[in-house]
C-alpha atoms as a PDB file:
ATOM      1  CA  MET A   1      -0.151   0.059  -0.038  1.00  0.00           C
ATOM      2  CA  ASN A   2       2.832   2.391   0.836  1.00  0.00           C
ATOM      3  CA  ASP A   3       3.957   1.859  -2.963  1.00  0.00           C
ATOM      4  CA  VAL A   4       0.416   3.631  -4.036  1.00  0.00           C
ATOM      5  CA  ILE A   5       0.296   6.497  -1.781  1.00  0.00           C
ATOM      6  CA  PRO A   6       3.253   8.947  -1.947  1.00  0.00           C
ATOM      7  CA  PRO A   7       4.976  10.210   1.573  1.00  0.00           C
ATOM      8  CA  ALA A   8       2.659  13.049   3.198  1.00  0.00           C
ATOM      9  CA  ALA A   9       5.758  15.317   2.850  1.00  0.00           C
ATOM     10  CA  ASP A  10       5.993  15.035  -1.082  1.00  0.00           C
ATOM     11  CA  MET A  11       2.447  15.448  -1.401  1.00  0.00           C
ATOM     12  CA  LEU A  12       2.275  18.526   0.853  1.00  0.00           C
ATOM     13  CA  SER A  13       4.965  20.114  -1.287  1.00  0.00           C
ATOM     14  CA  VAL A  14       3.366  19.649  -4.469  1.00  0.00           C
ATOM     15  CA  LEU A  15      -0.017  21.045  -2.562  1.00  0.00           C
ATOM     16  CA  LYS A  16       2.012  23.972  -1.603  1.00  0.00           C
ATOM     17  CA  LEU A  17       3.165  24.821  -5.297  1.00  0.00           C
ATOM     18  CA  PHE A  18      -0.403  24.382  -6.580  1.00  0.00           C
ATOM     19  CA  ILE A  19      -1.623  26.757  -3.882  1.00  0.00           C
ATOM     20  CA  ILE A  20       0.376  29.386  -5.206  1.00  0.00           C
ATOM     21  CA  PRO A  21      -2.349  31.627  -6.965  1.00  0.00           C
ATOM     22  CA  VAL A  22       0.024  32.765  -9.808  1.00  0.00           C
ATOM     23  CA  GLY A  23       3.054  32.087 -11.709  1.00  0.00           C
ATOM     24  CA  GLY A  24       4.715  28.801 -11.856  1.00  0.00           C
ATOM     25  CA  GLY A  25       2.505  26.736  -9.363  1.00  0.00           C
ATOM     26  CA  ILE A  26       0.913  24.205 -11.934  1.00  0.00           C
ATOM     27  CA  PRO A  27       4.280  23.452 -14.212  1.00  0.00           C
ATOM     28  CA  ALA A  28       6.400  23.403 -11.074  1.00  0.00           C
ATOM     29  CA  GLY A  29       3.900  21.343  -9.039  1.00  0.00           C
ATOM     30  CA  VAL A  30       3.659  18.827 -11.906  1.00  0.00           C
ATOM     31  CA  ILE A  31       7.042  18.409 -12.432  1.00  0.00           C
ATOM     32  CA  LEU A  32       7.948  17.945  -8.759  1.00  0.00           C
ATOM     33  CA  ALA A  33       4.944  15.306  -8.418  1.00  0.00           C
ATOM     34  CA  GLN A  34       6.509  13.411 -11.627  1.00  0.00           C
ATOM     35  CA  THR A  35      10.140  13.448  -9.934  1.00  0.00           C
ATOM     36  CA  LYS A  36       8.561  12.342  -6.708  1.00  0.00           C
ATOM     37  CA  ALA A  37       6.862   9.427  -8.896  1.00  0.00           C
ATOM     38  CA  MET A  38       3.447  10.588  -7.841  1.00  0.00           C
ATOM     39  CA  ALA A  39       0.608   9.126 -10.032  1.00  0.00           C
ATOM     40  CA  TRP A  40      -1.166  11.622 -11.831  1.00  0.00           C
ATOM     41  CA  PRO A  41      -4.678  10.861 -10.053  1.00  0.00           C
ATOM     42  CA  VAL A  42      -2.815  11.770  -7.019  1.00  0.00           C
ATOM     43  CA  THR A  43      -1.556  14.803  -8.607  1.00  0.00           C
ATOM     44  CA  THR A  44      -4.751  15.846 -10.029  1.00  0.00           C
ATOM     45  CA  LEU A  45      -6.257  15.268  -6.925  1.00  0.00           C
ATOM     46  CA  LEU A  46      -3.942  17.752  -4.933  1.00  0.00           C
ATOM     47  CA  TYR A  47      -4.809  20.291  -7.487  1.00  0.00           C
ATOM     48  CA  LEU A  48      -8.386  19.809  -6.656  1.00  0.00           C
ATOM     49  CA  ILE A  49      -7.757  19.974  -2.855  1.00  0.00           C
ATOM     50  CA  SER A  50      -5.887  23.277  -3.816  1.00  0.00           C
ATOM     51  CA  ASP A  51      -9.126  24.747  -5.551  1.00  0.00           C
ATOM     52  CA  ILE A  52     -11.311  23.561  -2.695  1.00  0.00           C
ATOM     53  CA  CYS A  53      -9.032  25.661  -0.039  1.00  0.00           C
ATOM     54  CA  LEU A  54      -9.241  28.580  -2.587  1.00  0.00           C
ATOM     55  CA  ALA A  55     -12.907  28.616  -2.558  1.00  0.00           C
ATOM     56  CA  PHE A  56     -13.147  28.665   1.334  1.00  0.00           C
ATOM     57  CA  ALA A  57     -10.317  31.506   1.255  1.00  0.00           C
ATOM     58  CA  PHE A  58     -11.844  33.051  -1.449  1.00  0.00           C
ATOM     59  CA  GLU A  59     -15.333  33.034  -0.863  1.00  0.00           C
ATOM     60  CA  PRO A  60     -16.007  35.376   2.081  1.00  0.00           C
ATOM     61  CA  ILE A  61     -13.874  37.981   0.406  1.00  0.00           C
ATOM     62  CA  LEU A  62     -16.355  37.924  -2.503  1.00  0.00           C
ATOM     63  CA  ARG A  63     -19.401  37.949   0.002  1.00  0.00           C
ATOM     64  CA  VAL A  64     -17.904  41.215   1.669  1.00  0.00           C
ATOM     65  CA  LEU A  65     -17.467  42.689  -1.710  1.00  0.00           C
ATOM     66  CA  ALA A  66     -20.975  41.963  -2.709  1.00  0.00           C
ATOM     67  CA  PHE A  67     -22.097  43.459   0.274  1.00  0.00           C
ATOM     68  CA  ILE A  68     -20.127  46.523   0.231  1.00  0.00           C
ATOM     69  CA  CYS A  69     -21.199  47.078  -3.590  1.00  0.00           C
ATOM     70  CA  GLY A  70     -24.970  46.645  -2.324  1.00  0.00           C
ATOM     71  CA  LYS A  71     -24.411  49.618   0.230  1.00  0.00           C
ATOM     72  CA  ILE A  72     -22.488  52.226  -1.942  1.00  0.00           C
ATOM     73  CA  SER A  73     -24.267  53.565  -4.921  1.00  0.00           C
ATOM     74  CA  TYR A  74     -21.392  54.040  -7.081  1.00  0.00           C
ATOM     75  CA  LEU A  75     -20.039  50.364  -6.120  1.00  0.00           C
ATOM     76  CA  ALA A  76     -23.604  49.300  -7.134  1.00  0.00           C
ATOM     77  CA  ARG A  77     -23.475  50.616 -10.490  1.00  0.00           C
ATOM     78  CA  VAL A  78     -19.708  49.181 -11.173  1.00  0.00           C
ATOM     79  CA  SER A  79     -21.226  46.052 -10.300  1.00  0.00           C
ATOM     80  CA  ALA A  80     -24.153  46.138 -12.438  1.00  0.00           C
ATOM     81  CA  VAL A  81     -21.754  47.273 -15.341  1.00  0.00           C
ATOM     82  CA  MET A  82     -19.483  44.460 -14.633  1.00  0.00           C
ATOM     83  CA  LYS A  83     -22.613  41.697 -14.530  1.00  0.00           C
ATOM     84  CA  THR A  84     -23.558  43.070 -18.049  1.00  0.00           C
ATOM     85  CA  ALA A  85     -20.184  42.669 -19.310  1.00  0.00           C
ATOM     86  CA  THR A  86     -19.834  39.197 -17.929  1.00  0.00           C
ATOM     87  CA  ALA A  87     -22.845  38.395 -19.624  1.00  0.00           C
ATOM     88  CA  ARG A  88     -21.931  40.099 -23.047  1.00  0.00           C
ATOM     89  CA  SER A  89     -18.391  38.082 -22.606  1.00  0.00           C
ATOM     90  CA  VAL A  90     -20.129  34.824 -21.910  1.00  0.00           C
ATOM     91  CA  HIS A  91     -22.623  35.405 -24.827  1.00  0.00           C
ATOM     92  CA  HIS A  92     -19.574  35.853 -27.032  1.00  0.00           C
ATOM     93  CA  MET A  93     -18.082  32.433 -26.021  1.00  0.00           C
ATOM     94  CA  ILE A  94     -21.335  30.354 -26.331  1.00  0.00           C
ATOM     95  CA  GLY A  95     -24.140  32.509 -27.705  1.00  0.00           C
ATOM     96  CA  THR A  96     -26.535  31.559 -25.022  1.00  0.00           C
ATOM     97  CA  GLY A  97     -25.800  34.060 -22.286  1.00  0.00           C
ATOM     98  CA  ALA A  98     -24.252  33.103 -18.786  1.00  0.00           C
ATOM     99  CA  GLY A  99     -24.811  29.560 -18.716  1.00  0.00           C
ATOM    100  CA  PRO A 100     -22.486  26.969 -16.883  1.00  0.00           C
ATOM    101  CA  VAL A 101     -20.442  26.203 -19.998  1.00  0.00           C
ATOM    102  CA  GLY A 102     -19.630  30.155 -20.696  1.00  0.00           C
ATOM    103  CA  LEU A 103     -19.058  30.319 -17.132  1.00  0.00           C
ATOM    104  CA  ILE A 104     -16.707  27.199 -17.216  1.00  0.00           C
ATOM    105  CA  MET A 105     -14.986  28.833 -20.126  1.00  0.00           C
ATOM    106  CA  ILE A 106     -14.545  32.219 -18.117  1.00  0.00           C
ATOM    107  CA  SER A 107     -12.591  30.075 -14.978  1.00  0.00           C
ATOM    108  CA  PHE A 108     -10.620  28.209 -17.770  1.00  0.00           C
ATOM    109  CA  GLY A 109      -9.461  31.454 -19.685  1.00  0.00           C
ATOM    110  CA  VAL A 110      -9.119  33.804 -16.807  1.00  0.00           C
ATOM    111  CA  ASP A 111      -8.900  32.125 -13.490  1.00  0.00           C
ATOM    112  CA  PRO A 112     -11.081  30.455 -10.951  1.00  0.00           C
ATOM    113  CA  MET A 113     -11.710  33.573  -8.967  1.00  0.00           C
ATOM    114  CA  THR A 114     -12.853  35.412 -11.710  1.00  0.00           C
ATOM    115  CA  GLY A 115     -14.884  32.279 -12.729  1.00  0.00           C
ATOM    116  CA  ARG A 116     -16.737  32.349  -9.569  1.00  0.00           C
ATOM    117  CA  ALA A 117     -17.251  36.076  -9.655  1.00  0.00           C
ATOM    118  CA  SER A 118     -18.941  35.570 -12.899  1.00  0.00           C
ATOM    119  CA  ALA A 119     -20.731  32.773 -11.399  1.00  0.00           C
ATOM    120  CA  HIS A 120     -22.075  34.937  -8.555  1.00  0.00           C
ATOM    121  CA  ALA A 121     -22.872  37.469 -10.841  1.00  0.00           C
ATOM    122  CA  ALA A 122     -24.934  35.077 -12.889  1.00  0.00           C
ATOM    123  CA  GLY A 123     -27.024  34.174  -9.664  1.00  0.00           C
ATOM    124  CA  HIS A 124     -25.038  30.945  -8.712  1.00  0.00           C
ATOM    125  CA  GLY A 125     -24.560  29.892  -5.016  1.00  0.00           C
ATOM    126  CA  PHE A 126     -21.495  28.781  -3.200  1.00  0.00           C
ATOM    127  CA  ILE A 127     -21.689  25.424  -4.477  1.00  0.00           C
ATOM    128  CA  ALA A 128     -23.014  25.846  -7.903  1.00  0.00           C
ATOM    129  CA  GLY A 129     -20.675  28.754  -8.468  1.00  0.00           C
ATOM    130  CA  TRP A 130     -17.473  27.012  -7.184  1.00  0.00           C
ATOM    131  CA  ALA A 131     -18.454  23.739  -9.063  1.00  0.00           C
ATOM    132  CA  ILE A 132     -18.495  25.733 -12.257  1.00  0.00           C
ATOM    133  CA  ALA A 133     -15.198  27.710 -11.533  1.00  0.00           C
ATOM    134  CA  ILE A 134     -13.182  24.751 -10.438  1.00  0.00           C
ATOM    135  CA  ALA A 135     -14.244  22.779 -13.419  1.00  0.00           C
ATOM    136  CA  GLY A 136     -12.738  25.389 -15.647  1.00  0.00           C
ATOM    137  CA  ASP A 137      -9.820  25.486 -13.649  1.00  0.00           C
ATOM    138  CA  MET A 138      -9.551  21.735 -13.757  1.00  0.00           C
ATOM    139  CA  LEU A 139      -9.559  21.854 -17.401  1.00  0.00           C
ATOM    140  CA  TYR A 140      -6.864  24.270 -17.612  1.00  0.00           C
ATOM    141  CA  PHE A 141      -4.821  22.303 -14.945  1.00  0.00           C
ATOM    142  CA  GLY A 142      -5.053  19.291 -17.528  1.00  0.00           C
ATOM    143  CA  VAL A 143      -4.041  21.357 -20.336  1.00  0.00           C
ATOM    144  CA  ILE A 144      -1.072  22.529 -18.586  1.00  0.00           C
ATOM    145  CA  ALA A 145      -0.242  19.399 -17.182  1.00  0.00           C
ATOM    146  CA  ILE A 146       0.069  17.759 -20.047  1.00  0.00           C
ATOM    147  CA  SER A 147       1.579  20.317 -21.828  1.00  0.00           C
ATOM    148  CA  THR A 148       4.135  20.542 -19.291  1.00  0.00           C
ATOM    149  CA  LEU A 149       4.963  16.780 -19.077  1.00  0.00           C
ATOM    150  CA  ARG A 150       5.328  16.547 -22.860  1.00  0.00           C
ATOM    151  CA  LEU A 151       7.682  19.587 -22.781  1.00  0.00           C
ATOM    152  CA  ASN A 152       9.668  18.246 -19.987  1.00  0.00           C
ATOM    153  CA  SER A 153       9.948  14.791 -22.056  1.00  0.00           C
ATOM    154  CA  TYR A 154      12.061  17.008 -24.958  1.00  0.00           C
ATOM    155  CA  PHE A 155      13.781  19.629 -22.512  1.00  0.00           C
ATOM    156  CA  LYS A 156      14.677  17.235 -19.660  1.00  0.00           C
ATOM    157  CA  ASP A 157      15.228  20.158 -17.781  1.00  0.00           C
ATOM    158  CA  PRO A 158      12.362  20.881 -15.365  1.00  0.00           C
ATOM    159  CA  THR A 159      13.659  24.883 -15.075  1.00  0.00           C
ATOM    160  CA  THR A 160      13.635  25.287 -18.831  1.00  0.00           C
ATOM    161  CA  THR A 161      10.092  23.617 -19.108  1.00  0.00           C
ATOM    162  CA  THR A 162       8.930  25.766 -16.340  1.00  0.00           C
ATOM    163  CA  TRP A 163       9.738  28.787 -18.166  1.00  0.00           C
ATOM    164  CA  VAL A 164       8.557  27.857 -21.446  1.00  0.00           C
ATOM    165  CA  VAL A 165       5.420  26.989 -20.031  1.00  0.00           C
ATOM    166  CA  LEU A 166       4.747  29.755 -18.304  1.00  0.00           C
ATOM    167  CA  ILE A 167       5.723  32.222 -21.173  1.00  0.00           C
ATOM    168  CA  ALA A 168       3.273  30.304 -23.123  1.00  0.00           C
ATOM    169  CA  MET A 169       0.453  30.635 -20.293  1.00  0.00           C
ATOM    170  CA  PHE A 170       1.006  34.319 -20.338  1.00  0.00           C
ATOM    171  CA  SER A 171       1.694  34.823 -24.221  1.00  0.00           C
ATOM    172  CA  VAL A 172      -0.548  32.442 -25.961  1.00  0.00           C
ATOM    173  CA  PRO A 173      -3.739  34.160 -24.714  1.00  0.00           C
ATOM    174  CA  ALA A 174      -2.431  37.625 -25.234  1.00  0.00           C
ATOM    175  CA  LEU A 175      -1.645  36.224 -28.935  1.00  0.00           C
ATOM    176  CA  ILE A 176      -5.182  34.887 -29.369  1.00  0.00           C
ATOM    177  CA  ARG A 177      -6.808  38.023 -28.125  1.00  0.00           C
ATOM    178  CA  PHE A 178      -4.740  39.904 -30.889  1.00  0.00           C
ATOM    179  CA  ILE A 179      -5.428  37.617 -33.678  1.00  0.00           C
ATOM    180  CA  ARG A 180      -9.102  37.648 -32.784  1.00  0.00           C
ATOM    181  CA  ALA A 181      -9.114  41.398 -32.859  1.00  0.00           C
ATOM    182  CA  ARG A 182      -7.366  41.683 -36.006  1.00  0.00           C
ATOM    183  CA  LEU A 183      -9.857  39.238 -37.700  1.00  0.00           C
ATOM    184  CA  LEU A 184     -12.985  41.313 -35.910  1.00  0.00           C
ATOM    185  CA  GLN A 185     -11.374  44.550 -37.531  1.00  0.00           C
ATOM    186  CA  ARG A 186     -11.488  42.747 -41.317  1.00  0.00           C
ATOM    187  CA  ALA A 187     -14.884  41.508 -40.924  1.00  0.00           C
END
């Protein structure tokens, strides 16, 4: 049984990397898990646990912000504009409004906190909203984890792999937005 379950210290090290909200958390955590010979289901479960920790840490902040926005008229107007912008963004993604698939894509394309805030703006409660946000983030994790492992098999250097994945994580979405904007200008 000890061969199946990695040592707690190894799992904690990977979890700590996944909890980092920005930066090299996913690629570094995936590579560390690979070097510690962790099975991919364990690595995926650790990432899911990091998302659940994020949910319990971020939700009170979201609730306080929503409460404040309801009490201050200027912030209430900002909140209404954000809800409209979210609905418009989701509509462009899926064509039907702020449905779960569009909200999952927001979480996939931005981050789980934005996905949860968008789900909250669309009227989803704690469990449904975080399920939507975490679903998108787990899809993102899958893409980054597989990319990291594939690239590391070519580079054979975890540092180089992490840097390449980080650069791609930040530059590819910007490049897609740029190309999309150019195509829209021509149309």
